[in-house]
Amino acid sequence: MAGRLRAPTGRYGGKSATERQAERRRRFLDAALDLFGDRPGYRATTVAALSEAAGLSTRQFYEEFRTLEDVLAALHLQVNGWAEDAVLAAFAEARDLPLAERVTAMFKAYAANVSADPRRIRITFVEIIGVSPRLEEQRLARRSRWVDLICAECDASAARGQAAQRDYRIAATAFIGSVNGLLHDWSAGWLEATLDEVVDELVRQLLGILRPEGWSPEVE
């Protein structure tokens, strides 16, 4: 396919063309979460199979997407967006709490959102890997956004006197790797631990970065 087909315009069934398009897109992404995030997986799914699972036609698929890779790209961003929304909401509620409690709230929100559906973990940590240079760039860009979020909290804590003053980007990048690896291994059953134990370990690691040995906070 050289490009997407043009979607119909005008109202039909009481819905505008924009509303119908949004609904079709949601149905394709919901079906992709099922097929890519479980069985058969992204690489074994066809346009026909995805369209059938969505209850739509292949023509309607090409009105919304050019390729299955476009669907995976959109789904990857959507799953990360859900997790980010959960973390930001937790940040807002925990803004005035002591540092350890803020960090704990953040990771509980992230872990709860991602682990609530094993398909989300598979999309984020498995199916997106090695698909194409384009999706690898997207994955790294999205991971960089998480690094930015961690750095922002670290810098804010340092400004309050609750953490050491330093450039946190390298440490935050390494820490995000720990988050991804630990949650993936836990979800895959390779790690005998509860989710609370995983979160507690991540909190300890981040607090160790924020408060290295020998440093004392000015305020709590």
N, C-alpha and C. Protein backbone atom coordinates (compact mmCIF):
# COMPACT_ATOMS: atom_id res chain seq x y z
N MET A 1 0.83 -1.19 0.00
CA MET A 1 0.00 0.00 0.00
C MET A 1 0.87 1.25 0.00
N ALA A 2 0.64 2.12 -0.95
CA ALA A 2 1.42 3.34 -1.03
C ALA A 2 1.02 4.32 0.06
N GLY A 3 -0.21 4.26 0.53
CA GLY A 3 -0.68 5.18 1.56
C GLY A 3 -2.06 4.77 1.99
N ARG A 4 -2.57 5.49 2.97
CA ARG A 4 -3.89 5.15 3.48
C ARG A 4 -4.97 5.53 2.47
N LEU A 5 -6.05 4.74 2.47
CA LEU A 5 -7.21 5.09 1.68
C LEU A 5 -7.94 6.24 2.34
N ARG A 6 -8.68 6.98 1.56
CA ARG A 6 -9.42 8.10 2.11
C ARG A 6 -10.67 7.61 2.81
N ALA A 7 -10.85 8.05 4.07
CA ALA A 7 -12.02 7.64 4.84
C ALA A 7 -13.25 8.39 4.37
N PRO A 8 -14.43 7.76 4.48
CA PRO A 8 -15.67 8.44 4.10
C PRO A 8 -15.92 9.67 4.96
N THR A 9 -16.60 10.65 4.39
CA THR A 9 -16.95 11.85 5.12
C THR A 9 -18.46 11.91 5.33
N GLY A 10 -18.92 12.89 6.14
CA GLY A 10 -20.35 13.05 6.38
C GLY A 10 -20.81 12.24 7.58
N ARG A 11 -22.08 12.43 7.98
CA ARG A 11 -22.64 11.74 9.14
C ARG A 11 -23.30 10.44 8.71
N TYR A 12 -23.19 9.45 9.60
CA TYR A 12 -23.81 8.15 9.34
C TYR A 12 -24.09 7.52 10.69
N GLY A 13 -25.32 7.04 10.87
CA GLY A 13 -25.69 6.41 12.14
C GLY A 13 -25.59 7.35 13.31
N GLY A 14 -25.79 8.64 13.06
CA GLY A 14 -25.74 9.62 14.14
C GLY A 14 -24.34 10.04 14.54
N LYS A 15 -23.30 9.55 13.85
CA LYS A 15 -21.91 9.88 14.19
C LYS A 15 -21.25 10.59 13.02
N SER A 16 -20.40 11.55 13.35
CA SER A 16 -19.66 12.26 12.32
C SER A 16 -18.55 11.37 11.78
N ALA A 17 -17.96 11.78 10.67
CA ALA A 17 -16.85 11.02 10.09
C ALA A 17 -15.68 10.95 11.07
N THR A 18 -15.44 12.04 11.78
CA THR A 18 -14.36 12.06 12.75
C THR A 18 -14.62 11.09 13.89
N GLU A 19 -15.86 11.04 14.36
CA GLU A 19 -16.22 10.11 15.44
C GLU A 19 -16.10 8.66 14.98
N ARG A 20 -16.53 8.38 13.75
CA ARG A 20 -16.43 7.02 13.24
C ARG A 20 -14.97 6.62 13.07
N GLN A 21 -14.15 7.55 12.61
CA GLN A 21 -12.74 7.26 12.43
C GLN A 21 -12.07 6.96 13.78
N ALA A 22 -12.39 7.76 14.80
CA ALA A 22 -11.81 7.54 16.13
C ALA A 22 -12.24 6.19 16.68
N GLU A 23 -13.50 5.81 16.43
CA GLU A 23 -13.98 4.51 16.91
C GLU A 23 -13.28 3.37 16.19
N ARG A 24 -13.11 3.49 14.87
CA ARG A 24 -12.39 2.44 14.13
C ARG A 24 -10.96 2.30 14.63
N ARG A 25 -10.32 3.44 14.83
CA ARG A 25 -8.93 3.40 15.30
C ARG A 25 -8.85 2.72 16.67
N ARG A 26 -9.78 3.06 17.56
CA ARG A 26 -9.79 2.43 18.88
C ARG A 26 -9.99 0.93 18.77
N ARG A 27 -10.88 0.50 17.88
CA ARG A 27 -11.14 -0.93 17.73
C ARG A 27 -9.91 -1.66 17.19
N PHE A 28 -9.21 -1.03 16.25
CA PHE A 28 -7.98 -1.66 15.74
C PHE A 28 -6.92 -1.75 16.84
N LEU A 29 -6.77 -0.70 17.64
CA LEU A 29 -5.78 -0.71 18.71
C LEU A 29 -6.16 -1.70 19.81
N ASP A 30 -7.44 -1.80 20.11
CA ASP A 30 -7.88 -2.80 21.10
C ASP A 30 -7.58 -4.21 20.62
N ALA A 31 -7.86 -4.46 19.34
CA ALA A 31 -7.57 -5.79 18.78
C ALA A 31 -6.07 -6.04 18.75
N ALA A 32 -5.29 -5.01 18.46
CA ALA A 32 -3.83 -5.16 18.42
C ALA A 32 -3.28 -5.46 19.81
N LEU A 33 -3.87 -4.86 20.83
CA LEU A 33 -3.43 -5.17 22.20
C LEU A 33 -3.63 -6.64 22.50
N ASP A 34 -4.73 -7.21 22.01
CA ASP A 34 -4.99 -8.64 22.19
C ASP A 34 -4.00 -9.50 21.41
N LEU A 35 -3.83 -9.18 20.13
CA LEU A 35 -3.02 -10.04 19.25
C LEU A 35 -1.52 -9.82 19.41
N PHE A 36 -1.11 -8.57 19.52
CA PHE A 36 0.32 -8.28 19.68
C PHE A 36 0.78 -8.57 21.11
N GLY A 37 -0.10 -8.27 22.07
CA GLY A 37 0.28 -8.39 23.48
C GLY A 37 0.13 -9.78 24.04
N ASP A 38 -0.45 -10.69 23.28
CA ASP A 38 -0.61 -12.07 23.74
C ASP A 38 -0.21 -12.98 22.60
N ARG A 39 -1.12 -13.79 22.14
CA ARG A 39 -0.83 -14.65 20.98
C ARG A 39 -1.71 -14.22 19.82
N PRO A 40 -1.14 -14.22 18.62
CA PRO A 40 0.14 -14.81 18.21
C PRO A 40 1.34 -13.87 18.33
N GLY A 41 1.15 -12.62 18.74
CA GLY A 41 2.25 -11.66 18.76
C GLY A 41 2.29 -10.83 17.49
N TYR A 42 3.01 -9.73 17.53
CA TYR A 42 3.06 -8.81 16.40
C TYR A 42 3.55 -9.48 15.12
N ARG A 43 4.64 -10.21 15.21
CA ARG A 43 5.28 -10.74 14.01
C ARG A 43 4.46 -11.83 13.32
N ALA A 44 3.54 -12.44 14.04
CA ALA A 44 2.73 -13.50 13.44
C ALA A 44 1.31 -13.03 13.11
N THR A 45 1.05 -11.75 13.27
CA THR A 45 -0.28 -11.21 12.98
C THR A 45 -0.33 -10.63 11.58
N THR A 46 -1.42 -10.84 10.87
CA THR A 46 -1.61 -10.27 9.54
C THR A 46 -2.66 -9.17 9.60
N VAL A 47 -2.68 -8.36 8.56
CA VAL A 47 -3.70 -7.31 8.47
C VAL A 47 -5.10 -7.93 8.50
N ALA A 48 -5.25 -9.04 7.79
CA ALA A 48 -6.56 -9.70 7.75
C ALA A 48 -6.97 -10.18 9.13
N ALA A 49 -6.03 -10.77 9.88
CA ALA A 49 -6.34 -11.28 11.22
C ALA A 49 -6.69 -10.14 12.17
N LEU A 50 -5.96 -9.05 12.08
CA LEU A 50 -6.24 -7.90 12.94
C LEU A 50 -7.59 -7.29 12.61
N SER A 51 -7.88 -7.17 11.33
CA SER A 51 -9.16 -6.61 10.91
C SER A 51 -10.32 -7.48 11.38
N GLU A 52 -10.15 -8.79 11.27
CA GLU A 52 -11.20 -9.71 11.73
C GLU A 52 -11.40 -9.58 13.23
N ALA A 53 -10.31 -9.51 13.98
CA ALA A 53 -10.42 -9.37 15.43
C ALA A 53 -11.09 -8.07 15.83
N ALA A 54 -10.88 -7.03 15.03
CA ALA A 54 -11.49 -5.73 15.31
C ALA A 54 -12.93 -5.66 14.83
N GLY A 55 -13.36 -6.65 14.05
CA GLY A 55 -14.70 -6.63 13.49
C GLY A 55 -14.84 -5.61 12.38
N LEU A 56 -13.74 -5.37 11.67
CA LEU A 56 -13.71 -4.38 10.60
C LEU A 56 -13.10 -5.01 9.36
N SER A 57 -13.11 -4.28 8.27
CA SER A 57 -12.58 -4.81 7.01
C SER A 57 -11.14 -4.36 6.80
N THR A 58 -10.45 -5.05 5.89
CA THR A 58 -9.09 -4.63 5.57
C THR A 58 -9.09 -3.26 4.90
N ARG A 59 -10.15 -2.96 4.16
CA ARG A 59 -10.25 -1.62 3.57
C ARG A 59 -10.28 -0.56 4.67
N GLN A 60 -11.03 -0.83 5.72
CA GLN A 60 -11.09 0.12 6.83
C GLN A 60 -9.74 0.21 7.54
N PHE A 61 -9.00 -0.89 7.56
CA PHE A 61 -7.66 -0.84 8.14
C PHE A 61 -6.81 0.18 7.39
N TYR A 62 -6.82 0.08 6.06
CA TYR A 62 -5.97 0.97 5.26
C TYR A 62 -6.49 2.41 5.21
N GLU A 63 -7.68 2.63 5.69
CA GLU A 63 -8.16 4.00 5.87
C GLU A 63 -7.54 4.63 7.12
N GLU A 64 -7.07 3.78 8.06
CA GLU A 64 -6.52 4.28 9.32
C GLU A 64 -5.01 4.15 9.41
N PHE A 65 -4.44 3.11 8.81
CA PHE A 65 -3.01 2.83 8.94
C PHE A 65 -2.43 2.43 7.59
N ARG A 66 -1.14 2.60 7.45
CA ARG A 66 -0.46 2.12 6.24
C ARG A 66 -0.01 0.67 6.40
N THR A 67 0.53 0.36 7.59
CA THR A 67 1.10 -0.97 7.84
C THR A 67 0.80 -1.40 9.27
N LEU A 68 1.05 -2.67 9.55
CA LEU A 68 0.93 -3.17 10.92
C LEU A 68 1.95 -2.51 11.85
N GLU A 69 3.08 -2.13 11.29
CA GLU A 69 4.09 -1.44 12.10
C GLU A 69 3.54 -0.11 12.63
N ASP A 70 2.72 0.56 11.81
CA ASP A 70 2.08 1.80 12.28
C ASP A 70 1.18 1.52 13.48
N VAL A 71 0.50 0.40 13.45
CA VAL A 71 -0.38 0.03 14.57
C VAL A 71 0.45 -0.22 15.82
N LEU A 72 1.54 -0.97 15.68
CA LEU A 72 2.40 -1.25 16.84
C LEU A 72 2.98 0.04 17.40
N ALA A 73 3.38 0.96 16.52
CA ALA A 73 3.93 2.24 16.97
C ALA A 73 2.89 3.01 17.79
N ALA A 74 1.66 3.07 17.28
CA ALA A 74 0.59 3.78 17.98
C ALA A 74 0.28 3.11 19.30
N LEU A 75 0.27 1.78 19.32
CA LEU A 75 -0.06 1.05 20.54
C LEU A 75 1.03 1.23 21.59
N HIS A 76 2.27 1.22 21.17
CA HIS A 76 3.39 1.43 22.09
C HIS A 76 3.29 2.80 22.77
N LEU A 77 2.97 3.82 21.99
CA LEU A 77 2.81 5.16 22.57
C LEU A 77 1.60 5.23 23.49
N GLN A 78 0.54 4.54 23.12
CA GLN A 78 -0.67 4.55 23.94
C GLN A 78 -0.42 3.90 25.29
N VAL A 79 0.23 2.75 25.30
CA VAL A 79 0.51 2.04 26.54
C VAL A 79 1.41 2.89 27.45
N ASN A 80 2.43 3.51 26.87
CA ASN A 80 3.30 4.38 27.66
C ASN A 80 2.55 5.61 28.15
N GLY A 81 1.64 6.11 27.34
CA GLY A 81 0.84 7.26 27.74
C GLY A 81 -0.04 6.95 28.94
N TRP A 82 -0.63 5.77 28.96
CA TRP A 82 -1.44 5.36 30.11
C TRP A 82 -0.59 5.35 31.38
N ALA A 83 0.61 4.78 31.28
CA ALA A 83 1.48 4.69 32.46
C ALA A 83 1.93 6.08 32.91
N GLU A 84 2.25 6.94 31.95
CA GLU A 84 2.69 8.29 32.30
C GLU A 84 1.57 9.07 32.98
N ASP A 85 0.37 8.94 32.49
CA ASP A 85 -0.78 9.62 33.11
C ASP A 85 -0.94 9.16 34.57
N ALA A 86 -0.76 7.86 34.81
CA ALA A 86 -0.89 7.34 36.16
C ALA A 86 0.19 7.90 37.08
N VAL A 87 1.42 7.99 36.56
CA VAL A 87 2.54 8.51 37.35
C VAL A 87 2.34 9.99 37.65
N LEU A 88 1.94 10.77 36.66
CA LEU A 88 1.74 12.20 36.88
C LEU A 88 0.62 12.46 37.87
N ALA A 89 -0.42 11.65 37.81
CA ALA A 89 -1.51 11.79 38.78
C ALA A 89 -1.01 11.49 40.20
N ALA A 90 -0.17 10.47 40.33
CA ALA A 90 0.39 10.13 41.64
C ALA A 90 1.31 11.23 42.14
N PHE A 91 2.11 11.79 41.23
CA PHE A 91 2.97 12.91 41.58
C PHE A 91 2.15 14.07 42.15
N ALA A 92 1.07 14.39 41.47
CA ALA A 92 0.24 15.52 41.89
C ALA A 92 -0.31 15.31 43.30
N GLU A 93 -0.71 14.09 43.60
CA GLU A 93 -1.27 13.80 44.92
C GLU A 93 -0.20 13.75 46.00
N ALA A 94 1.02 13.36 45.62
CA ALA A 94 2.08 13.17 46.62
C ALA A 94 3.06 14.34 46.65
N ARG A 95 2.73 15.43 45.98
CA ARG A 95 3.67 16.54 45.81
C ARG A 95 4.25 17.04 47.13
N ASP A 96 3.46 17.10 48.18
CA ASP A 96 3.90 17.68 49.44
C ASP A 96 4.36 16.65 50.47
N LEU A 97 4.45 15.39 50.06
CA LEU A 97 4.90 14.35 50.98
C LEU A 97 6.43 14.29 51.04
N PRO A 98 7.00 13.66 52.07
CA PRO A 98 8.45 13.47 52.11
C PRO A 98 8.95 12.70 50.89
N LEU A 99 10.23 12.84 50.59
CA LEU A 99 10.81 12.27 49.38
C LEU A 99 10.53 10.78 49.22
N ALA A 100 10.78 10.00 50.25
CA ALA A 100 10.60 8.54 50.14
C ALA A 100 9.15 8.20 49.80
N GLU A 101 8.23 8.94 50.36
CA GLU A 101 6.82 8.67 50.09
C GLU A 101 6.44 9.09 48.67
N ARG A 102 7.02 10.17 48.18
CA ARG A 102 6.75 10.59 46.80
C ARG A 102 7.26 9.55 45.81
N VAL A 103 8.48 9.09 46.04
CA VAL A 103 9.07 8.10 45.14
C VAL A 103 8.27 6.80 45.17
N THR A 104 7.86 6.40 46.36
CA THR A 104 7.06 5.18 46.49
C THR A 104 5.74 5.31 45.75
N ALA A 105 5.08 6.46 45.88
CA ALA A 105 3.81 6.69 45.19
C ALA A 105 3.99 6.61 43.68
N MET A 106 5.09 7.18 43.19
CA MET A 106 5.36 7.17 41.76
C MET A 106 5.49 5.74 41.23
N PHE A 107 6.30 4.93 41.91
CA PHE A 107 6.54 3.58 41.39
C PHE A 107 5.35 2.65 41.61
N LYS A 108 4.62 2.87 42.67
CA LYS A 108 3.40 2.07 42.84
C LYS A 108 2.42 2.37 41.71
N ALA A 109 2.30 3.64 41.34
CA ALA A 109 1.39 4.02 40.26
C ALA A 109 1.85 3.42 38.93
N TYR A 110 3.15 3.50 38.65
CA TYR A 110 3.67 2.96 37.39
C TYR A 110 3.51 1.44 37.34
N ALA A 111 3.95 0.78 38.39
CA ALA A 111 3.89 -0.69 38.40
C ALA A 111 2.47 -1.19 38.35
N ALA A 112 1.57 -0.53 39.08
CA ALA A 112 0.18 -0.96 39.08
C ALA A 112 -0.44 -0.80 37.70
N ASN A 113 -0.12 0.29 37.00
CA ASN A 113 -0.69 0.52 35.69
C ASN A 113 -0.17 -0.49 34.67
N VAL A 114 1.12 -0.68 34.66
CA VAL A 114 1.72 -1.59 33.67
C VAL A 114 1.37 -3.04 33.95
N SER A 115 1.43 -3.43 35.23
CA SER A 115 1.21 -4.84 35.57
C SER A 115 -0.26 -5.22 35.61
N ALA A 116 -1.14 -4.22 35.56
CA ALA A 116 -2.58 -4.53 35.58
C ALA A 116 -2.98 -5.34 34.36
N ASP A 117 -2.20 -5.27 33.31
CA ASP A 117 -2.50 -6.00 32.07
C ASP A 117 -1.19 -6.52 31.50
N PRO A 118 -0.92 -7.82 31.56
CA PRO A 118 0.34 -8.38 31.05
C PRO A 118 0.59 -8.03 29.58
N ARG A 119 -0.47 -7.75 28.84
CA ARG A 119 -0.29 -7.40 27.43
C ARG A 119 0.47 -6.08 27.29
N ARG A 120 0.26 -5.18 28.22
CA ARG A 120 0.96 -3.89 28.17
C ARG A 120 2.46 -4.08 28.37
N ILE A 121 2.82 -4.96 29.29
CA ILE A 121 4.24 -5.24 29.53
C ILE A 121 4.87 -5.84 28.28
N ARG A 122 4.14 -6.75 27.63
CA ARG A 122 4.71 -7.38 26.43
C ARG A 122 4.91 -6.37 25.30
N ILE A 123 3.96 -5.47 25.13
CA ILE A 123 4.10 -4.44 24.10
C ILE A 123 5.31 -3.57 24.40
N THR A 124 5.45 -3.16 25.66
CA THR A 124 6.50 -2.21 26.04
C THR A 124 7.89 -2.82 26.03
N PHE A 125 8.02 -4.07 26.48
CA PHE A 125 9.34 -4.64 26.71
C PHE A 125 9.73 -5.77 25.76
N VAL A 126 8.79 -6.27 24.96
CA VAL A 126 9.10 -7.42 24.11
C VAL A 126 8.82 -7.13 22.63
N GLU A 127 7.55 -6.87 22.30
CA GLU A 127 7.16 -6.79 20.90
C GLU A 127 7.80 -5.61 20.16
N ILE A 128 8.12 -4.54 20.85
CA ILE A 128 8.66 -3.35 20.21
C ILE A 128 10.13 -3.52 19.84
N ILE A 129 10.79 -4.50 20.46
CA ILE A 129 12.24 -4.65 20.29
C ILE A 129 12.58 -5.24 18.92
N GLY A 130 13.52 -4.60 18.23
CA GLY A 130 14.09 -5.17 17.00
C GLY A 130 13.19 -5.18 15.78
N VAL A 131 12.11 -4.43 15.80
CA VAL A 131 11.18 -4.43 14.66
C VAL A 131 11.77 -3.67 13.47
N SER A 132 12.25 -2.47 13.73
CA SER A 132 12.78 -1.63 12.65
C SER A 132 13.55 -0.47 13.27
N PRO A 133 14.42 0.18 12.49
CA PRO A 133 15.12 1.37 13.00
C PRO A 133 14.15 2.45 13.46
N ARG A 134 13.05 2.58 12.76
CA ARG A 134 12.06 3.60 13.12
C ARG A 134 11.48 3.34 14.50
N LEU A 135 11.09 2.09 14.79
CA LEU A 135 10.50 1.79 16.08
C LEU A 135 11.56 1.78 17.18
N GLU A 136 12.79 1.45 16.83
CA GLU A 136 13.85 1.54 17.83
C GLU A 136 14.07 2.99 18.23
N GLU A 137 14.02 3.89 17.26
CA GLU A 137 14.14 5.31 17.57
C GLU A 137 12.99 5.77 18.46
N GLN A 138 11.78 5.30 18.15
CA GLN A 138 10.63 5.66 18.97
C GLN A 138 10.78 5.12 20.39
N ARG A 139 11.23 3.87 20.51
CA ARG A 139 11.40 3.26 21.83
C ARG A 139 12.40 4.06 22.66
N LEU A 140 13.52 4.43 22.05
CA LEU A 140 14.54 5.18 22.77
C LEU A 140 14.06 6.59 23.12
N ALA A 141 13.29 7.19 22.21
CA ALA A 141 12.75 8.52 22.48
C ALA A 141 11.76 8.47 23.64
N ARG A 142 10.95 7.42 23.67
CA ARG A 142 9.98 7.29 24.76
C ARG A 142 10.67 6.99 26.08
N ARG A 143 11.74 6.20 26.01
CA ARG A 143 12.51 5.95 27.23
C ARG A 143 13.18 7.23 27.71
N SER A 144 13.65 8.06 26.78
CA SER A 144 14.25 9.34 27.14
C SER A 144 13.24 10.24 27.85
N ARG A 145 11.99 10.13 27.46
CA ARG A 145 10.95 10.91 28.13
C ARG A 145 10.79 10.48 29.59
N TRP A 146 10.89 9.18 29.83
CA TRP A 146 10.87 8.70 31.21
C TRP A 146 12.08 9.19 31.98
N VAL A 147 13.24 9.21 31.33
CA VAL A 147 14.45 9.73 31.97
C VAL A 147 14.25 11.20 32.34
N ASP A 148 13.66 11.96 31.43
CA ASP A 148 13.39 13.38 31.72
C ASP A 148 12.49 13.52 32.95
N LEU A 149 11.49 12.66 33.06
CA LEU A 149 10.58 12.73 34.20
C LEU A 149 11.32 12.44 35.51
N ILE A 150 12.17 11.41 35.49
CA ILE A 150 12.95 11.08 36.68
C ILE A 150 13.90 12.22 37.03
N CYS A 151 14.58 12.78 36.02
CA CYS A 151 15.51 13.88 36.26
C CYS A 151 14.79 15.09 36.85
N ALA A 152 13.59 15.37 36.37
CA ALA A 152 12.83 16.51 36.88
C ALA A 152 12.53 16.34 38.36
N GLU A 153 12.14 15.13 38.77
CA GLU A 153 11.87 14.88 40.19
C GLU A 153 13.15 14.94 41.01
N CYS A 154 14.24 14.41 40.46
CA CYS A 154 15.52 14.46 41.17
C CYS A 154 15.97 15.91 41.37
N ASP A 155 15.88 16.71 40.32
CA ASP A 155 16.29 18.12 40.41
C ASP A 155 15.41 18.88 41.37
N ALA A 156 14.10 18.60 41.35
CA ALA A 156 13.19 19.28 42.27
C ALA A 156 13.50 18.90 43.71
N SER A 157 13.82 17.64 43.94
CA SER A 157 14.16 17.19 45.30
C SER A 157 15.46 17.83 45.76
N ALA A 158 16.43 17.94 44.86
CA ALA A 158 17.70 18.59 45.21
C ALA A 158 17.49 20.06 45.54
N ALA A 159 16.63 20.71 44.78
CA ALA A 159 16.35 22.12 45.04
C ALA A 159 15.69 22.33 46.40
N ARG A 160 14.96 21.34 46.88
CA ARG A 160 14.32 21.41 48.20
C ARG A 160 15.27 21.04 49.33
N GLY A 161 16.48 20.61 48.99
CA GLY A 161 17.41 20.16 50.00
C GLY A 161 17.18 18.74 50.45
N GLN A 162 16.37 17.99 49.67
CA GLN A 162 16.04 16.62 50.04
C GLN A 162 16.92 15.59 49.33
N ALA A 163 17.73 16.04 48.39
CA ALA A 163 18.60 15.14 47.63
C ALA A 163 19.88 15.88 47.27
N ALA A 164 20.88 15.10 46.88
CA ALA A 164 22.17 15.70 46.55
C ALA A 164 22.08 16.53 45.27
N GLN A 165 22.87 17.60 45.21
CA GLN A 165 22.95 18.42 44.00
C GLN A 165 23.94 17.76 43.04
N ARG A 166 23.45 17.37 41.84
CA ARG A 166 24.30 16.72 40.85
C ARG A 166 23.57 16.66 39.52
N ASP A 167 24.26 16.28 38.46
CA ASP A 167 23.63 16.02 37.18
C ASP A 167 23.13 14.57 37.21
N TYR A 168 21.84 14.40 37.11
CA TYR A 168 21.24 13.08 37.31
C TYR A 168 21.00 12.30 36.02
N ARG A 169 21.33 12.85 34.85
CA ARG A 169 20.90 12.20 33.61
C ARG A 169 21.49 10.80 33.44
N ILE A 170 22.78 10.64 33.66
CA ILE A 170 23.39 9.31 33.49
C ILE A 170 22.78 8.32 34.48
N ALA A 171 22.66 8.74 35.73
CA ALA A 171 22.11 7.86 36.75
C ALA A 171 20.66 7.51 36.45
N ALA A 172 19.87 8.50 35.98
CA ALA A 172 18.47 8.25 35.66
C ALA A 172 18.33 7.30 34.48
N THR A 173 19.21 7.43 33.49
CA THR A 173 19.18 6.54 32.34
C THR A 173 19.48 5.10 32.75
N ALA A 174 20.49 4.95 33.61
CA ALA A 174 20.82 3.61 34.10
C ALA A 174 19.67 3.06 34.94
N PHE A 175 19.05 3.92 35.72
CA PHE A 175 17.95 3.48 36.58
C PHE A 175 16.75 3.02 35.77
N ILE A 176 16.42 3.72 34.71
CA ILE A 176 15.31 3.31 33.85
C ILE A 176 15.57 1.91 33.28
N GLY A 177 16.82 1.62 32.96
CA GLY A 177 17.16 0.27 32.51
C GLY A 177 16.85 -0.77 33.58
N SER A 178 17.10 -0.43 34.84
CA SER A 178 16.78 -1.33 35.94
C SER A 178 15.27 -1.53 36.07
N VAL A 179 14.53 -0.43 35.93
CA VAL A 179 13.06 -0.52 36.01
C VAL A 179 12.54 -1.47 34.94
N ASN A 180 12.97 -1.24 33.70
CA ASN A 180 12.48 -2.06 32.59
C ASN A 180 12.86 -3.53 32.77
N GLY A 181 14.11 -3.78 33.12
CA GLY A 181 14.57 -5.16 33.27
C GLY A 181 13.88 -5.88 34.40
N LEU A 182 13.74 -5.20 35.53
CA LEU A 182 13.14 -5.83 36.70
C LEU A 182 11.66 -6.14 36.48
N LEU A 183 10.92 -5.19 35.91
CA LEU A 183 9.50 -5.43 35.68
C LEU A 183 9.28 -6.49 34.60
N HIS A 184 10.14 -6.50 33.58
CA HIS A 184 10.00 -7.53 32.55
C HIS A 184 10.24 -8.92 33.14
N ASP A 185 11.33 -9.07 33.90
CA ASP A 185 11.64 -10.38 34.47
C ASP A 185 10.57 -10.82 35.46
N TRP A 186 10.04 -9.87 36.24
CA TRP A 186 8.98 -10.21 37.19
C TRP A 186 7.73 -10.68 36.44
N SER A 187 7.35 -9.95 35.38
CA SER A 187 6.13 -10.30 34.65
C SER A 187 6.28 -11.63 33.91
N ALA A 188 7.51 -11.95 33.51
CA ALA A 188 7.76 -13.19 32.78
C ALA A 188 7.88 -14.40 33.72
N GLY A 189 7.83 -14.14 35.02
CA GLY A 189 7.92 -15.23 35.98
C GLY A 189 9.32 -15.69 36.28
N TRP A 190 10.32 -14.89 35.90
CA TRP A 190 11.71 -15.26 36.14
C TRP A 190 12.21 -14.76 37.49
N LEU A 191 11.36 -14.03 38.19
CA LEU A 191 11.75 -13.45 39.47
C LEU A 191 10.69 -13.79 40.50
N GLU A 192 11.09 -14.51 41.54
CA GLU A 192 10.14 -14.89 42.59
C GLU A 192 10.03 -13.74 43.59
N ALA A 193 9.04 -12.90 43.38
CA ALA A 193 8.83 -11.75 44.25
C ALA A 193 7.42 -11.23 44.02
N THR A 194 6.90 -10.54 45.01
CA THR A 194 5.62 -9.87 44.83
C THR A 194 5.87 -8.53 44.14
N LEU A 195 4.81 -7.95 43.61
CA LEU A 195 4.96 -6.65 42.97
C LEU A 195 5.39 -5.60 44.00
N ASP A 196 4.89 -5.69 45.22
CA ASP A 196 5.31 -4.75 46.27
C ASP A 196 6.81 -4.86 46.55
N GLU A 197 7.33 -6.08 46.51
CA GLU A 197 8.77 -6.26 46.73
C GLU A 197 9.58 -5.66 45.59
N VAL A 198 9.07 -5.78 44.37
CA VAL A 198 9.73 -5.17 43.22
C VAL A 198 9.74 -3.65 43.36
N VAL A 199 8.60 -3.09 43.72
CA VAL A 199 8.51 -1.63 43.90
C VAL A 199 9.44 -1.18 45.02
N ASP A 200 9.46 -1.90 46.13
CA ASP A 200 10.34 -1.54 47.25
C ASP A 200 11.80 -1.51 46.82
N GLU A 201 12.20 -2.47 46.00
CA GLU A 201 13.59 -2.51 45.53
C GLU A 201 13.89 -1.31 44.63
N LEU A 202 12.97 -0.97 43.75
CA LEU A 202 13.18 0.19 42.88
C LEU A 202 13.26 1.48 43.69
N VAL A 203 12.43 1.59 44.71
CA VAL A 203 12.47 2.77 45.58
C VAL A 203 13.82 2.86 46.28
N ARG A 204 14.31 1.74 46.80
CA ARG A 204 15.63 1.75 47.46
C ARG A 204 16.73 2.18 46.50
N GLN A 205 16.66 1.68 45.26
CA GLN A 205 17.68 2.05 44.28
C GLN A 205 17.66 3.55 43.99
N LEU A 206 16.48 4.10 43.78
CA LEU A 206 16.39 5.52 43.45
C LEU A 206 16.79 6.39 44.65
N LEU A 207 16.37 6.01 45.83
CA LEU A 207 16.78 6.77 47.02
C LEU A 207 18.30 6.71 47.20
N GLY A 208 18.91 5.59 46.84
CA GLY A 208 20.36 5.48 46.91
C GLY A 208 21.04 6.43 45.93
N ILE A 209 20.42 6.66 44.79
CA ILE A 209 20.94 7.61 43.81
C ILE A 209 20.78 9.04 44.33
N LEU A 210 19.62 9.31 44.89
CA LEU A 210 19.31 10.65 45.37
C LEU A 210 20.09 11.02 46.63
N ARG A 211 20.33 10.03 47.46
CA ARG A 211 20.97 10.27 48.75
C ARG A 211 22.16 9.33 48.93
N PRO A 212 23.28 9.63 48.29
CA PRO A 212 24.44 8.74 48.38
C PRO A 212 24.99 8.70 49.81
N GLU A 213 25.75 7.66 50.08
CA GLU A 213 26.31 7.46 51.41
C GLU A 213 27.12 8.68 51.84
N GLY A 214 26.89 9.11 53.05
CA GLY A 214 27.62 10.26 53.57
C GLY A 214 26.91 11.59 53.39
N TRP A 215 25.82 11.58 52.60
CA TRP A 215 25.08 12.83 52.38
C TRP A 215 23.86 12.86 53.28
N SER A 216 23.55 14.01 53.82
CA SER A 216 22.38 14.15 54.70
C SER A 216 21.45 15.20 54.15
N PRO A 217 20.15 14.95 54.17
CA PRO A 217 19.18 15.94 53.66
C PRO A 217 19.13 17.17 54.57
N GLU A 218 18.87 18.31 53.93
CA GLU A 218 18.72 19.54 54.70
C GLU A 218 17.33 19.61 55.32
N VAL A 219 16.34 19.09 54.58
CA VAL A 219 14.96 19.04 55.07
C VAL A 219 14.33 17.73 54.63
N GLU A 220 13.26 17.36 55.25
CA GLU A 220 12.45 16.21 54.83
C GLU A 220 11.21 16.70 54.12
